[in-house]
Amino acid sequence: MSFTVLRRSLVSSSLRSTRLIAPAPLLLRRSVASSVSNRPASQAFDHAATNIKEETGNLAADVAKTIAGSNMTTQLASSLKEDTFVGLTKANLAAVPKPAMIVGLAGGIPYIGASGMTVYLAHQAGLVATGASTMDPGLALTYFDQALTFQVAYGAVMLSFLGAMHWGMEFAGLGGKQGLKRLALGASPILLAIPTLSFEPMTALTVQWLGFTALWYADARATSFGWTPKWYGQYRFYLSILVGTCILGSLFGTSYYGPVAGHGFLTHELNEIRQERRDLIKEQELPANENVKAVRQKAGEPGFVVLSRKQTEEKQ
């Protein structure tokens, strides 16, 4: 009897062990998720190109949604033929009222002109500094400085105006009364813009570029919160791109074309003074002396006249 019980217990334990061990091969087989596992994501170059194109399109569409403040209406989203960057951008731009777009772009025209004039006058100042232009150095520097000053002043006005837009929306109750939060957002740009009027022009342009970029981000967030019209984030993005491009163009153009170390206005003026002295010396005859010999130096050599003793030369 005891033998029979012992045999049954051994068989039972053996079956339990078999149940624990048997599923192991099944688990190994299930680790293969599909028939194409452990293969490259793209089977051929054409397939890879298609994947890259699709991923790029999806990324561009996400960028367009971010630009729009991720605040597209259901009606606008349903009217899209393609969920692409171009389709989303066109749909958002179509939602912007034409008067707002026209006036906004017209307000940027003087800034574009100021940026172009700054680069042109920087080029002229660089030519004067190297002696390639006959313009008076003082006049070239004055014109260049006035162009930079105008661009900085106009940029400060635009930055302040964009902040004041939020005060108008608060007074109109657009998106509900937000109180101190929206009023503080509207006052921040002018607190940044006014001090730049006392900065050196290149520093002022850099600070204003940072201000325009930060304000666009704040406007995009305000659009997503419902504080502004649905199209405001998209509208502000392209105006910020316009202004930011002008600022970067002025900074790079001035650095590239403007006077640089070793070819500044002081170096140019010193070279002109030296040349005038040489011209005056050429017009005068050197004094004759029995013991001293005077020899004019050639252009580019240090000094103007070399004096030497005749007796020393004769002995040598």
Protein backbone atom coordinates (compact mmCIF):
# COMPACT_ATOMS: atom_id res chain seq x y z
CA MET A 1 0.00 0.00 0.00
CA SER A 2 2.73 2.39 0.91
CA PHE A 3 4.57 1.46 -2.26
CA THR A 4 1.52 2.42 -4.36
CA VAL A 5 1.23 5.82 -2.61
CA LEU A 6 4.94 6.49 -3.12
CA ARG A 7 4.65 5.66 -6.83
CA ARG A 8 1.68 7.98 -7.30
CA SER A 9 3.51 10.84 -5.57
CA LEU A 10 6.52 10.39 -7.84
CA VAL A 11 4.34 10.38 -10.97
CA SER A 12 2.50 13.49 -9.77
CA SER A 13 5.71 15.40 -9.10
CA SER A 14 7.06 14.34 -12.49
CA LEU A 15 3.95 15.68 -14.22
CA ARG A 16 4.26 18.99 -12.39
CA SER A 17 7.87 19.30 -13.48
CA THR A 18 6.89 18.53 -17.05
CA ARG A 19 4.24 21.25 -17.00
CA LEU A 20 6.79 23.81 -15.83
CA ILE A 21 9.41 22.84 -18.39
CA ALA A 22 7.20 22.24 -21.42
CA PRO A 23 6.10 25.84 -22.10
CA ALA A 24 9.72 27.05 -22.37
CA PRO A 25 10.10 26.27 -26.12
CA LEU A 26 6.76 27.99 -26.70
CA LEU A 27 8.02 31.14 -25.00
CA LEU A 28 11.12 31.10 -27.17
CA ARG A 29 9.04 30.75 -30.30
CA ARG A 30 6.75 33.60 -29.23
CA SER A 31 9.71 35.98 -28.86
CA VAL A 32 9.55 36.35 -32.63
CA ALA A 33 6.91 39.07 -32.98
CA SER A 34 6.27 38.66 -36.70
CA SER A 35 7.58 37.02 -39.82
CA VAL A 36 9.75 40.05 -40.63
CA SER A 37 11.46 40.36 -37.25
CA ASN A 38 15.25 40.60 -37.11
CA ARG A 39 15.27 42.14 -40.59
CA PRO A 40 16.11 45.70 -41.65
CA ALA A 41 13.26 48.23 -41.47
CA SER A 42 13.74 48.90 -45.17
CA GLN A 43 14.14 45.95 -47.53
CA ALA A 44 15.50 48.05 -50.43
CA PHE A 45 16.66 51.56 -51.29
CA ASP A 46 13.26 52.43 -52.76
CA HIS A 47 11.58 51.26 -49.58
CA ALA A 48 14.04 53.30 -47.49
CA ALA A 49 13.39 56.40 -49.60
CA THR A 50 9.64 55.95 -49.11
CA ASN A 51 10.07 55.60 -45.35
CA ILE A 52 12.27 58.69 -45.16
CA LYS A 53 9.77 60.68 -47.22
CA GLU A 54 6.88 59.62 -45.01
CA GLU A 55 8.74 60.35 -41.78
CA THR A 56 9.88 63.75 -43.08
CA GLY A 57 6.32 64.59 -44.07
CA ASN A 58 5.02 63.58 -40.65
CA LEU A 59 7.70 65.64 -38.94
CA ALA A 60 6.90 68.67 -41.11
CA ALA A 61 3.20 68.28 -40.31
CA ASP A 62 4.02 68.20 -36.59
CA VAL A 63 6.10 71.36 -37.02
CA ALA A 64 3.18 73.08 -38.76
CA LYS A 65 0.88 72.10 -35.90
CA THR A 66 3.40 73.44 -33.40
CA ILE A 67 3.64 76.71 -35.33
CA ALA A 68 -0.14 76.98 -35.31
CA GLY A 69 -0.10 76.55 -31.56
CA SER A 70 -1.65 73.06 -31.76
CA ASN A 71 -5.00 74.81 -31.77
CA MET A 72 -6.73 73.82 -35.00
CA THR A 73 -10.49 73.87 -35.00
CA THR A 74 -12.51 70.76 -35.89
CA GLN A 75 -13.97 72.51 -38.93
CA LEU A 76 -10.52 73.51 -40.15
CA ALA A 77 -9.08 70.02 -39.59
CA SER A 78 -11.96 68.36 -41.44
CA SER A 79 -11.51 70.64 -44.45
CA LEU A 80 -7.89 69.57 -44.98
CA LYS A 81 -7.25 67.49 -48.07
CA GLU A 82 -3.81 66.39 -46.87
CA ASP A 83 -2.36 66.44 -43.37
CA THR A 84 0.97 67.86 -44.58
CA PHE A 85 3.06 70.93 -43.79
CA VAL A 86 1.87 72.75 -46.91
CA GLY A 87 -1.76 71.81 -46.35
CA LEU A 88 -1.73 72.82 -42.69
CA THR A 89 0.10 76.08 -43.42
CA LYS A 90 -2.31 77.06 -46.19
CA ALA A 91 -5.30 76.24 -44.02
CA ASN A 92 -3.99 78.32 -41.11
CA LEU A 93 -3.02 81.25 -43.31
CA ALA A 94 -6.44 81.17 -44.93
CA ALA A 95 -7.96 81.57 -41.47
CA VAL A 96 -5.97 84.79 -40.83
CA PRO A 97 -8.05 87.90 -41.62
CA LYS A 98 -6.66 89.66 -44.69
CA PRO A 99 -6.56 93.14 -43.09
CA ALA A 100 -4.42 91.80 -40.24
CA MET A 101 -2.06 90.05 -42.67
CA ILE A 102 -1.75 93.08 -44.98
CA VAL A 103 -1.14 95.58 -42.19
CA GLY A 104 1.30 93.23 -40.44
CA LEU A 105 3.39 92.71 -43.58
CA ALA A 106 3.24 96.42 -44.43
CA GLY A 107 4.58 97.23 -40.99
CA GLY A 108 7.58 95.03 -41.70
CA ILE A 109 8.53 96.83 -44.93
CA PRO A 110 10.40 99.71 -43.18
CA TYR A 111 12.27 97.14 -41.11
CA ILE A 112 13.32 95.23 -44.23
CA GLY A 113 14.53 98.49 -45.77
CA ALA A 114 16.45 99.38 -42.61
CA SER A 115 18.16 96.00 -42.56
CA GLY A 116 19.14 96.24 -46.23
CA MET A 117 20.46 99.78 -45.76
CA THR A 118 22.47 98.68 -42.73
CA VAL A 119 24.22 95.95 -44.71
CA TYR A 120 24.84 98.30 -47.67
CA LEU A 121 26.33 101.05 -45.50
CA ALA A 122 28.42 98.48 -43.61
CA HIS A 123 29.85 97.44 -46.98
CA GLN A 124 30.59 101.06 -47.88
CA ALA A 125 32.25 101.67 -44.52
CA GLY A 126 34.40 98.59 -45.04
CA LEU A 127 35.50 99.86 -48.45
CA VAL A 128 36.39 103.24 -46.97
CA ALA A 129 38.40 101.63 -44.18
CA THR A 130 40.50 99.69 -46.70
CA GLY A 131 40.96 102.70 -48.98
CA ALA A 132 38.86 101.25 -51.81
CA SER A 133 36.36 104.12 -51.69
CA THR A 134 36.85 107.89 -51.81
CA MET A 135 33.98 108.61 -49.40
CA ASP A 136 34.93 110.53 -46.29
CA PRO A 137 35.47 108.06 -43.42
CA GLY A 138 33.57 110.19 -40.94
CA LEU A 139 30.58 110.49 -43.28
CA ALA A 140 30.52 106.75 -43.98
CA LEU A 141 30.64 105.95 -40.28
CA THR A 142 27.86 108.45 -39.51
CA TYR A 143 25.51 107.01 -42.13
CA PHE A 144 26.23 103.48 -40.96
CA ASP A 145 25.58 104.37 -37.32
CA GLN A 146 22.31 106.14 -38.19
CA ALA A 147 21.05 103.10 -40.11
CA LEU A 148 21.78 100.83 -37.14
CA THR A 149 20.13 103.29 -34.74
CA PHE A 150 16.97 103.43 -36.87
CA GLN A 151 16.74 99.64 -37.05
CA VAL A 152 17.16 99.30 -33.28
CA ALA A 153 14.54 102.00 -32.59
CA TYR A 154 12.01 100.51 -35.03
CA GLY A 155 12.59 97.05 -33.60
CA ALA A 156 11.93 98.34 -30.08
CA VAL A 157 8.65 99.90 -31.25
CA MET A 158 7.50 96.66 -32.93
CA LEU A 159 8.41 94.56 -29.90
CA SER A 160 6.47 96.90 -27.61
CA PHE A 161 3.46 96.92 -29.95
CA LEU A 162 3.27 93.12 -30.07
CA GLY A 163 3.18 93.06 -26.28
CA ALA A 164 0.42 95.68 -26.21
CA MET A 165 -1.74 93.34 -28.30
CA HIS A 166 -2.30 91.24 -25.19
CA TRP A 167 -3.57 94.26 -23.27
CA GLY A 168 -6.14 94.84 -26.01
CA MET A 169 -7.24 91.20 -25.86
CA GLU A 170 -7.55 91.44 -22.10
CA PHE A 171 -9.67 94.59 -22.29
CA ALA A 172 -11.88 92.92 -24.92
CA GLY A 173 -12.21 89.83 -22.73
CA LEU A 174 -11.03 87.51 -25.53
CA GLY A 175 -10.75 84.01 -24.11
CA GLY A 176 -12.07 85.24 -20.78
CA LYS A 177 -10.58 87.64 -18.28
CA GLN A 178 -7.06 86.44 -17.43
CA GLY A 179 -6.15 89.38 -15.23
CA LEU A 180 -2.59 89.91 -14.07
CA LYS A 181 -1.11 87.01 -16.05
CA ARG A 182 -2.03 88.43 -19.46
CA LEU A 183 -1.28 92.02 -18.44
CA ALA A 184 2.20 90.95 -17.28
CA LEU A 185 2.75 89.14 -20.59
CA GLY A 186 1.81 92.30 -22.48
CA ALA A 187 4.11 94.52 -20.39
CA SER A 188 7.18 92.27 -20.58
CA PRO A 189 8.25 93.15 -24.17
CA ILE A 190 8.43 96.89 -23.54
CA LEU A 191 10.52 96.31 -20.41
CA LEU A 192 13.00 94.47 -22.65
CA ALA A 193 12.76 96.79 -25.67
CA ILE A 194 13.29 100.22 -24.05
CA PRO A 195 16.70 99.42 -22.45
CA THR A 196 18.05 98.25 -25.83
CA LEU A 197 17.90 101.87 -27.04
CA SER A 198 20.87 102.61 -24.78
CA PHE A 199 22.89 99.57 -25.85
CA GLU A 200 25.59 99.41 -28.48
CA PRO A 201 23.69 98.72 -31.78
CA MET A 202 25.01 95.20 -32.36
CA THR A 203 24.26 94.19 -28.77
CA ALA A 204 20.82 95.79 -29.01
CA LEU A 205 19.95 93.81 -32.16
CA THR A 206 21.03 90.57 -30.49
CA VAL A 207 18.88 91.24 -27.42
CA GLN A 208 15.91 92.18 -29.59
CA TRP A 209 16.27 88.96 -31.60
CA LEU A 210 16.07 87.00 -28.36
CA GLY A 211 13.06 89.10 -27.35
CA PHE A 212 11.16 88.45 -30.59
CA THR A 213 11.86 84.71 -30.33
CA ALA A 214 10.75 84.50 -26.70
CA LEU A 215 7.61 86.54 -27.42
CA TRP A 216 6.64 84.25 -30.29
CA TYR A 217 6.92 81.25 -27.98
CA ALA A 218 4.79 83.03 -25.39
CA ASP A 219 2.21 83.90 -28.07
CA ALA A 220 2.11 80.28 -29.23
CA ARG A 221 1.45 79.16 -25.66
CA ALA A 222 -1.20 81.84 -25.24
CA THR A 223 -2.88 80.60 -28.43
CA SER A 224 -2.95 77.03 -27.12
CA PHE A 225 -4.50 78.31 -23.87
CA GLY A 226 -7.27 80.04 -25.80
CA TRP A 227 -6.21 83.58 -24.90
CA THR A 228 -5.94 84.66 -28.54
CA PRO A 229 -7.70 83.91 -31.84
CA LYS A 230 -7.04 80.45 -33.27
CA TRP A 231 -4.89 81.83 -36.07
CA TYR A 232 -2.74 84.13 -33.92
CA GLY A 233 0.10 81.67 -33.29
CA GLN A 234 0.58 81.02 -37.01
CA TYR A 235 0.31 84.74 -37.78
CA ARG A 236 2.93 85.65 -35.20
CA PHE A 237 5.32 82.93 -36.33
CA TYR A 238 5.73 84.25 -39.85
CA LEU A 239 6.04 87.85 -38.71
CA SER A 240 8.73 86.73 -36.25
CA ILE A 241 10.53 84.88 -39.06
CA LEU A 242 10.51 88.10 -41.10
CA VAL A 243 11.92 90.22 -38.29
CA GLY A 244 14.39 87.57 -37.13
CA THR A 245 15.79 87.14 -40.64
CA CYS A 246 16.32 90.90 -40.94
CA ILE A 247 18.15 91.04 -37.60
CA LEU A 248 20.41 88.10 -38.41
CA GLY A 249 21.09 89.58 -41.86
CA SER A 250 22.17 92.87 -40.29
CA LEU A 251 24.41 91.13 -37.75
CA PHE A 252 26.08 88.84 -40.28
CA GLY A 253 26.32 91.54 -42.97
CA THR A 254 27.93 94.00 -40.59
CA SER A 255 30.40 91.41 -39.34
CA TYR A 256 31.29 90.33 -42.89
CA TYR A 257 31.38 93.66 -44.77
CA GLY A 258 32.09 96.14 -41.99
CA PRO A 259 35.49 97.39 -40.78
CA VAL A 260 37.55 94.67 -39.12
CA ALA A 261 40.65 94.59 -36.94
CA GLY A 262 43.67 95.95 -38.80
CA HIS A 263 41.51 97.76 -41.34
CA GLY A 264 39.58 100.18 -39.15
CA PHE A 265 39.08 103.90 -39.67
CA LEU A 266 42.08 104.79 -37.49
CA THR A 267 44.40 102.63 -39.60
CA HIS A 268 43.03 104.19 -42.77
CA GLU A 269 43.54 107.74 -41.48
CA LEU A 270 47.12 106.98 -40.38
CA ASN A 271 47.93 105.60 -43.82
CA GLU A 272 46.52 108.73 -45.45
CA ILE A 273 48.60 110.98 -43.19
CA ARG A 274 51.76 109.03 -44.01
CA GLN A 275 51.05 109.27 -47.71
CA GLU A 276 50.53 113.04 -47.47
CA ARG A 277 53.87 113.39 -45.70
CA ARG A 278 55.60 111.41 -48.41
CA ASP A 279 54.03 113.59 -51.09
CA LEU A 280 55.20 116.74 -49.31
CA ILE A 281 58.73 115.39 -48.93
CA LYS A 282 58.90 114.52 -52.64
CA GLU A 283 58.04 118.11 -53.55
CA GLN A 284 60.90 119.50 -51.43
CA GLU A 285 64.58 119.17 -52.19
CA LEU A 286 66.73 117.55 -49.56
CA PRO A 287 69.28 119.92 -48.00
CA ALA A 288 72.83 119.45 -49.28
CA ASN A 289 75.63 118.85 -46.79
CA GLU A 290 79.24 117.81 -47.25
CA ASN A 291 79.24 115.33 -44.40
CA VAL A 292 75.63 114.05 -44.46
CA LYS A 293 73.86 112.14 -47.21
CA ALA A 294 70.02 112.03 -47.33
CA VAL A 295 68.18 109.19 -49.09
CA ARG A 296 64.39 109.03 -49.43
CA GLN A 297 62.72 105.79 -48.34
CA LYS A 298 60.51 103.91 -50.73
CA ALA A 299 56.78 103.42 -50.12
CA GLY A 300 56.14 100.69 -47.57
CA GLU A 301 59.54 101.08 -45.86
CA PRO A 302 59.74 102.50 -42.33
CA GLY A 303 60.54 106.20 -42.08
CA PHE A 304 60.75 108.87 -44.76
CA VAL A 305 64.45 109.83 -45.06
CA VAL A 306 67.63 107.95 -44.13
CA LEU A 307 70.61 110.08 -43.12
CA SER A 308 74.15 108.74 -43.31
CA ARG A 309 77.65 110.24 -43.05
CA LYS A 310 79.58 110.49 -46.28
CA GLN A 311 82.95 110.05 -44.61
CA THR A 312 81.87 106.75 -43.06
CA GLU A 313 80.70 105.41 -46.43
CA GLU A 314 83.96 106.48 -48.12
CA LYS A 315 86.04 104.69 -45.49
CA GLN A 316 83.98 101.53 -45.89
